[in-house]
C-alpha atoms as a PDB file:
ATOM      1  CA  UNK A   1       0.000   0.000   0.000  1.00  0.00           C
ATOM      2  CA  UNK A   2       1.245   3.468  -0.814  1.00  0.00           C
ATOM      3  CA  UNK A   3       0.515   6.412   1.439  1.00  0.00           C
ATOM      4  CA  UNK A   4       0.720   9.778  -0.285  1.00  0.00           C
ATOM      5  CA  UNK A   5       1.050  12.993   1.650  1.00  0.00           C
ATOM      6  CA  UNK A   6      -0.171  15.822  -0.565  1.00  0.00           C
ATOM      7  CA  UNK A   7       0.830  19.352   0.329  1.00  0.00           C
ATOM      8  CA  UNK A   8      -0.500  22.572  -1.163  1.00  0.00           C
ATOM      9  CA  UNK A   9       2.108  25.012   0.184  1.00  0.00           C
ATOM     10  CA  UNK A  10       1.415  28.625   0.913  1.00  0.00           C
ATOM     11  CA  UNK A  11       3.454  31.516   2.294  1.00  0.00           C
ATOM     12  CA  UNK A  12       1.929  31.218   5.786  1.00  0.00           C
ATOM     13  CA  UNK A  13      -0.137  28.007   5.856  1.00  0.00           C
ATOM     14  CA  UNK A  14      -0.306  24.851   3.762  1.00  0.00           C
ATOM     15  CA  UNK A  15      -3.068  22.380   2.982  1.00  0.00           C
ATOM     16  CA  UNK A  16      -2.168  18.758   3.714  1.00  0.00           C
ATOM     17  CA  UNK A  17      -3.897  15.483   2.931  1.00  0.00           C
ATOM     18  CA  UNK A  18      -2.934  11.873   3.661  1.00  0.00           C
ATOM     19  CA  UNK A  19      -4.233   9.591   0.910  1.00  0.00           C
ATOM     20  CA  UNK A  20      -4.018   5.783   1.132  1.00  0.00           C
ATOM     21  CA  UNK A  21      -4.145   3.627  -1.996  1.00  0.00           C
ATOM     22  CA  UNK A  22      -4.075  -0.133  -2.417  1.00  0.00           C
ATOM     23  CA  UNK A  23      -6.157  -3.303  -2.237  1.00  0.00           C
ATOM     24  CA  UNK A  24      -7.475  -2.374   1.191  1.00  0.00           C
ATOM     25  CA  UNK A  25      -9.937   0.041  -0.453  1.00  0.00           C
ATOM     26  CA  UNK A  26     -11.511  -1.842  -3.394  1.00  0.00           C
ATOM     27  CA  UNK A  27     -14.416   0.579  -3.916  1.00  0.00           C
ATOM     28  CA  UNK A  28     -12.351   3.723  -4.498  1.00  0.00           C
ATOM     29  CA  UNK A  29      -9.012   4.657  -6.039  1.00  0.00           C
ATOM     30  CA  UNK A  30      -7.944   5.658  -2.524  1.00  0.00           C
ATOM     31  CA  UNK A  31      -9.147   7.045   0.783  1.00  0.00           C
ATOM     32  CA  UNK A  32      -8.346  10.287   2.589  1.00  0.00           C
ATOM     33  CA  UNK A  33      -7.368   9.436   6.159  1.00  0.00           C
ATOM     34  CA  UNK A  34      -6.258  12.918   7.228  1.00  0.00           C
ATOM     35  CA  UNK A  35      -7.166  16.328   5.830  1.00  0.00           C
ATOM     36  CA  UNK A  36      -5.647  19.481   7.299  1.00  0.00           C
ATOM     37  CA  UNK A  37      -6.705  22.621   5.420  1.00  0.00           C
ATOM     38  CA  UNK A  38      -4.338  25.004   7.231  1.00  0.00           C
ATOM     39  CA  UNK A  39      -1.018  23.976   8.770  1.00  0.00           C
ATOM     40  CA  UNK A  40       1.995  26.166   9.359  1.00  0.00           C
ATOM     41  CA  UNK A  41       5.460  24.805   8.545  1.00  0.00           C
ATOM     42  CA  UNK A  42       5.876  23.450  12.078  1.00  0.00           C
ATOM     43  CA  UNK A  43       2.567  21.569  11.719  1.00  0.00           C
ATOM     44  CA  UNK A  44       3.764  20.056   8.427  1.00  0.00           C
ATOM     45  CA  UNK A  45       7.023  19.053  10.123  1.00  0.00           C
ATOM     46  CA  UNK A  46       5.104  17.332  12.950  1.00  0.00           C
ATOM     47  CA  UNK A  47       2.914  15.446  10.456  1.00  0.00           C
ATOM     48  CA  UNK A  48       5.949  14.223   8.491  1.00  0.00           C
ATOM     49  CA  UNK A  49       7.651  13.154  11.716  1.00  0.00           C
ATOM     50  CA  UNK A  50       4.897  10.568  12.388  1.00  0.00           C
ATOM     51  CA  UNK A  51       5.378   8.593   9.180  1.00  0.00           C
ATOM     52  CA  UNK A  52       7.248   5.356   9.677  1.00  0.00           C
ATOM     53  CA  UNK A  53       8.198   2.772   7.079  1.00  0.00           C
ATOM     54  CA  UNK A  54       7.346  -0.884   7.460  1.00  0.00           C
ATOM     55  CA  UNK A  55       4.326  -3.177   7.421  1.00  0.00           C
ATOM     56  CA  UNK A  56       4.287  -2.999   3.621  1.00  0.00           C
ATOM     57  CA  UNK A  57       3.770   0.780   3.575  1.00  0.00           C
ATOM     58  CA  UNK A  58       5.485   3.198   1.213  1.00  0.00           C
ATOM     59  CA  UNK A  59       5.328   6.946   1.926  1.00  0.00           C
ATOM     60  CA  UNK A  60       5.652   9.594  -0.750  1.00  0.00           C
ATOM     61  CA  UNK A  61       5.182  13.348  -0.487  1.00  0.00           C
ATOM     62  CA  UNK A  62       3.670  15.248  -3.408  1.00  0.00           C
ATOM     63  CA  UNK A  63       3.958  19.041  -3.430  1.00  0.00           C
ATOM     64  CA  UNK A  64       2.345  21.591  -5.684  1.00  0.00           C
ATOM     65  CA  UNK A  65       5.272  23.822  -6.584  1.00  0.00           C
ATOM     66  CA  UNK A  66       5.488  27.349  -7.859  1.00  0.00           C
ATOM     67  CA  UNK A  67       6.310  28.121 -11.483  1.00  0.00           C
ATOM     68  CA  UNK A  68       8.137  30.939 -13.203  1.00  0.00           C
ATOM     69  CA  UNK A  69       6.072  34.047 -13.602  1.00  0.00           C
ATOM     70  CA  UNK A  70       5.752  37.552 -12.285  1.00  0.00           C
ATOM     71  CA  UNK A  71       7.441  37.511  -8.881  1.00  0.00           C
ATOM     72  CA  UNK A  72       5.527  38.595  -5.842  1.00  0.00           C
ATOM     73  CA  UNK A  73       6.410  38.322  -2.194  1.00  0.00           C
ATOM     74  CA  UNK A  74       3.818  35.523  -1.763  1.00  0.00           C
ATOM     75  CA  UNK A  75       5.336  33.494  -4.637  1.00  0.00           C
ATOM     76  CA  UNK A  76       8.857  33.938  -3.268  1.00  0.00           C
ATOM     77  CA  UNK A  77       7.768  32.972   0.269  1.00  0.00           C
ATOM     78  CA  UNK A  78       5.878  29.933  -1.068  1.00  0.00           C
ATOM     79  CA  UNK A  79       8.955  28.841  -3.033  1.00  0.00           C
ATOM     80  CA  UNK A  80      10.995  28.990   0.170  1.00  0.00           C
ATOM     81  CA  UNK A  81       8.381  26.843   1.955  1.00  0.00           C
ATOM     82  CA  UNK A  82       8.488  24.276  -0.894  1.00  0.00           C
ATOM     83  CA  UNK A  83      12.270  24.071  -0.515  1.00  0.00           C
ATOM     84  CA  UNK A  84      12.064  23.671   3.245  1.00  0.00           C
ATOM     85  CA  UNK A  85       9.496  20.864   2.953  1.00  0.00           C
ATOM     86  CA  UNK A  86      11.647  19.075   0.361  1.00  0.00           C
ATOM     87  CA  UNK A  87      14.601  19.402   2.740  1.00  0.00           C
ATOM     88  CA  UNK A  88      12.552  17.959   5.632  1.00  0.00           C
ATOM     89  CA  UNK A  89      11.618  14.986   3.452  1.00  0.00           C
ATOM     90  CA  UNK A  90      15.230  14.508   2.356  1.00  0.00           C
ATOM     91  CA  UNK A  91      16.333  14.387   6.012  1.00  0.00           C
ATOM     92  CA  UNK A  92      13.725  11.688   6.734  1.00  0.00           C
ATOM     93  CA  UNK A  93      14.517   9.793   3.519  1.00  0.00           C
ATOM     94  CA  UNK A  94      10.957  10.288   2.193  1.00  0.00           C
ATOM     95  CA  UNK A  95      10.504  10.318  -1.572  1.00  0.00           C
ATOM     96  CA  UNK A  96       9.284  13.710  -2.807  1.00  0.00           C
ATOM     97  CA  UNK A  97       7.562  14.618  -6.070  1.00  0.00           C
ATOM     98  CA  UNK A  98       6.432  18.012  -7.339  1.00  0.00           C
ATOM     99  CA  UNK A  99       3.641  18.977  -9.713  1.00  0.00           C
ATOM    100  CA  UNK A 100       2.740  22.389 -11.048  1.00  0.00           C
ATOM    101  CA  UNK A 101      -0.654  24.028 -10.936  1.00  0.00           C
ATOM    102  CA  UNK A 102      -0.762  23.846 -14.753  1.00  0.00           C
ATOM    103  CA  UNK A 103      -0.207  20.067 -14.626  1.00  0.00           C
ATOM    104  CA  UNK A 104      -3.063  19.736 -12.133  1.00  0.00           C
ATOM    105  CA  UNK A 105      -5.385  21.830 -14.305  1.00  0.00           C
ATOM    106  CA  UNK A 106      -4.487  19.785 -17.414  1.00  0.00           C
ATOM    107  CA  UNK A 107      -5.007  16.490 -15.588  1.00  0.00           C
ATOM    108  CA  UNK A 108      -8.516  17.514 -14.553  1.00  0.00           C
ATOM    109  CA  UNK A 109      -9.357  19.365 -17.776  1.00  0.00           C
ATOM    110  CA  UNK A 110      -9.943  22.641 -15.978  1.00  0.00           C
ATOM    111  CA  UNK A 111      -9.754  26.089 -17.538  1.00  0.00           C
ATOM    112  CA  UNK A 112      -7.842  28.734 -15.548  1.00  0.00           C
ATOM    113  CA  UNK A 113     -11.078  30.472 -14.595  1.00  0.00           C
ATOM    114  CA  UNK A 114     -13.110  28.382 -12.145  1.00  0.00           C
ATOM    115  CA  UNK A 115     -10.432  25.684 -11.972  1.00  0.00           C
ATOM    116  CA  UNK A 116     -10.816  24.973  -8.239  1.00  0.00           C
ATOM    117  CA  UNK A 117     -14.542  24.258  -8.502  1.00  0.00           C
ATOM    118  CA  UNK A 118     -14.064  22.047 -11.556  1.00  0.00           C
ATOM    119  CA  UNK A 119     -11.182  20.117  -9.958  1.00  0.00           C
ATOM    120  CA  UNK A 120     -13.169  19.560  -6.749  1.00  0.00           C
ATOM    121  CA  UNK A 121     -16.126  18.252  -8.785  1.00  0.00           C
ATOM    122  CA  UNK A 122     -13.883  15.847 -10.709  1.00  0.00           C
ATOM    123  CA  UNK A 123     -12.297  14.523  -7.506  1.00  0.00           C
ATOM    124  CA  UNK A 124     -15.747  13.877  -6.048  1.00  0.00           C
ATOM    125  CA  UNK A 125     -16.783  12.123  -9.270  1.00  0.00           C
ATOM    126  CA  UNK A 126     -13.711   9.858  -9.013  1.00  0.00           C
ATOM    127  CA  UNK A 127     -14.634   8.909  -5.429  1.00  0.00           C
ATOM    128  CA  UNK A 128     -18.386   8.168  -5.483  1.00  0.00           C
ATOM    129  CA  UNK A 129     -19.896   8.557  -2.066  1.00  0.00           C
ATOM    130  CA  UNK A 130     -23.128   9.066  -0.222  1.00  0.00           C
ATOM    131  CA  UNK A 131     -23.513  12.744   0.707  1.00  0.00           C
ATOM    132  CA  UNK A 132     -24.896  11.829   4.153  1.00  0.00           C
ATOM    133  CA  UNK A 133     -21.862   9.599   4.803  1.00  0.00           C
ATOM    134  CA  UNK A 134     -19.544  12.457   3.898  1.00  0.00           C
ATOM    135  CA  UNK A 135     -20.681  14.602   6.804  1.00  0.00           C
ATOM    136  CA  UNK A 136     -20.991  11.953   9.531  1.00  0.00           C
ATOM    137  CA  UNK A 137     -17.873  10.397  11.011  1.00  0.00           C
ATOM    138  CA  UNK A 138     -19.686   7.129  11.821  1.00  0.00           C
ATOM    139  CA  UNK A 139     -20.017   6.249   8.112  1.00  0.00           C
ATOM    140  CA  UNK A 140     -16.891   7.680   6.585  1.00  0.00           C
ATOM    141  CA  UNK A 141     -16.651   8.404   2.899  1.00  0.00           C
ATOM    142  CA  UNK A 142     -13.376   8.282   0.953  1.00  0.00           C
ATOM    143  CA  UNK A 143     -13.193  12.096   1.124  1.00  0.00           C
ATOM    144  CA  UNK A 144     -14.261  12.666   4.732  1.00  0.00           C
ATOM    145  CA  UNK A 145     -12.894  15.887   6.215  1.00  0.00           C
ATOM    146  CA  UNK A 146     -11.881  17.604   2.975  1.00  0.00           C
ATOM    147  CA  UNK A 147     -12.091  21.396   2.856  1.00  0.00           C
ATOM    148  CA  UNK A 148     -10.370  24.468   1.397  1.00  0.00           C
ATOM    149  CA  UNK A 149      -6.643  23.874   0.709  1.00  0.00           C
ATOM    150  CA  UNK A 150      -6.782  20.123   1.321  1.00  0.00           C
ATOM    151  CA  UNK A 151      -8.615  19.805  -2.057  1.00  0.00           C
ATOM    152  CA  UNK A 152      -5.609  21.320  -3.838  1.00  0.00           C
ATOM    153  CA  UNK A 153      -3.269  18.973  -1.950  1.00  0.00           C
ATOM    154  CA  UNK A 154      -5.341  15.945  -3.023  1.00  0.00           C
ATOM    155  CA  UNK A 155      -5.441  17.203  -6.619  1.00  0.00           C
ATOM    156  CA  UNK A 156      -1.625  17.281  -6.586  1.00  0.00           C
ATOM    157  CA  UNK A 157      -1.506  13.671  -5.345  1.00  0.00           C
ATOM    158  CA  UNK A 158      -3.982  12.449  -7.966  1.00  0.00           C
ATOM    159  CA  UNK A 159      -2.045  14.276 -10.693  1.00  0.00           C
ATOM    160  CA  UNK A 160       1.171  12.581  -9.583  1.00  0.00           C
ATOM    161  CA  UNK A 161      -0.491   9.143  -9.481  1.00  0.00           C
ATOM    162  CA  UNK A 162      -1.856   9.613 -13.009  1.00  0.00           C
ATOM    163  CA  UNK A 163       1.519  10.850 -14.253  1.00  0.00           C
ATOM    164  CA  UNK A 164       3.246   7.826 -12.668  1.00  0.00           C
ATOM    165  CA  UNK A 165       0.865   5.421 -14.421  1.00  0.00           C
ATOM    166  CA  UNK A 166       2.064   6.815 -17.718  1.00  0.00           C
ATOM    167  CA  UNK A 167       5.725   6.775 -16.580  1.00  0.00           C
ATOM    168  CA  UNK A 168       6.070  10.514 -17.002  1.00  0.00           C
ATOM    169  CA  UNK A 169       7.794  11.221 -13.701  1.00  0.00           C
END
């Protein structure tokens, strides 16, 4: 089983999602086990500290990274955060992959305008669930707990998984 940690980095807070794939979840492509819409860098560090190898588990971190464009202080700060997260993963010997926002939009067929709504709809379509189960913890859905920036983190993971299937890493 592979456990993906998707991170949508931001200058102050990042969205994080833990997504499990494998035979354990035959009804869905994977299941979200943790969704954190707003974590500071220390919170991300604490989450990464808990991952341990063994018991047939593989951990991989997937980050949405910044791309070249008009610089702004937010873009520069986000780029620094991406580098620091990659360094944290390197220190813990965790495999890291990056995807760009354009790759995510292409993977989900989203136009630049309204991309977040379209991507969220496509993710929900990929993980069929009962709406009542989504909001009650007793009957968890594959996307239980998702909100705000955790959707972008999951989109990065799903983009990486699709890219890996086609050996375009």
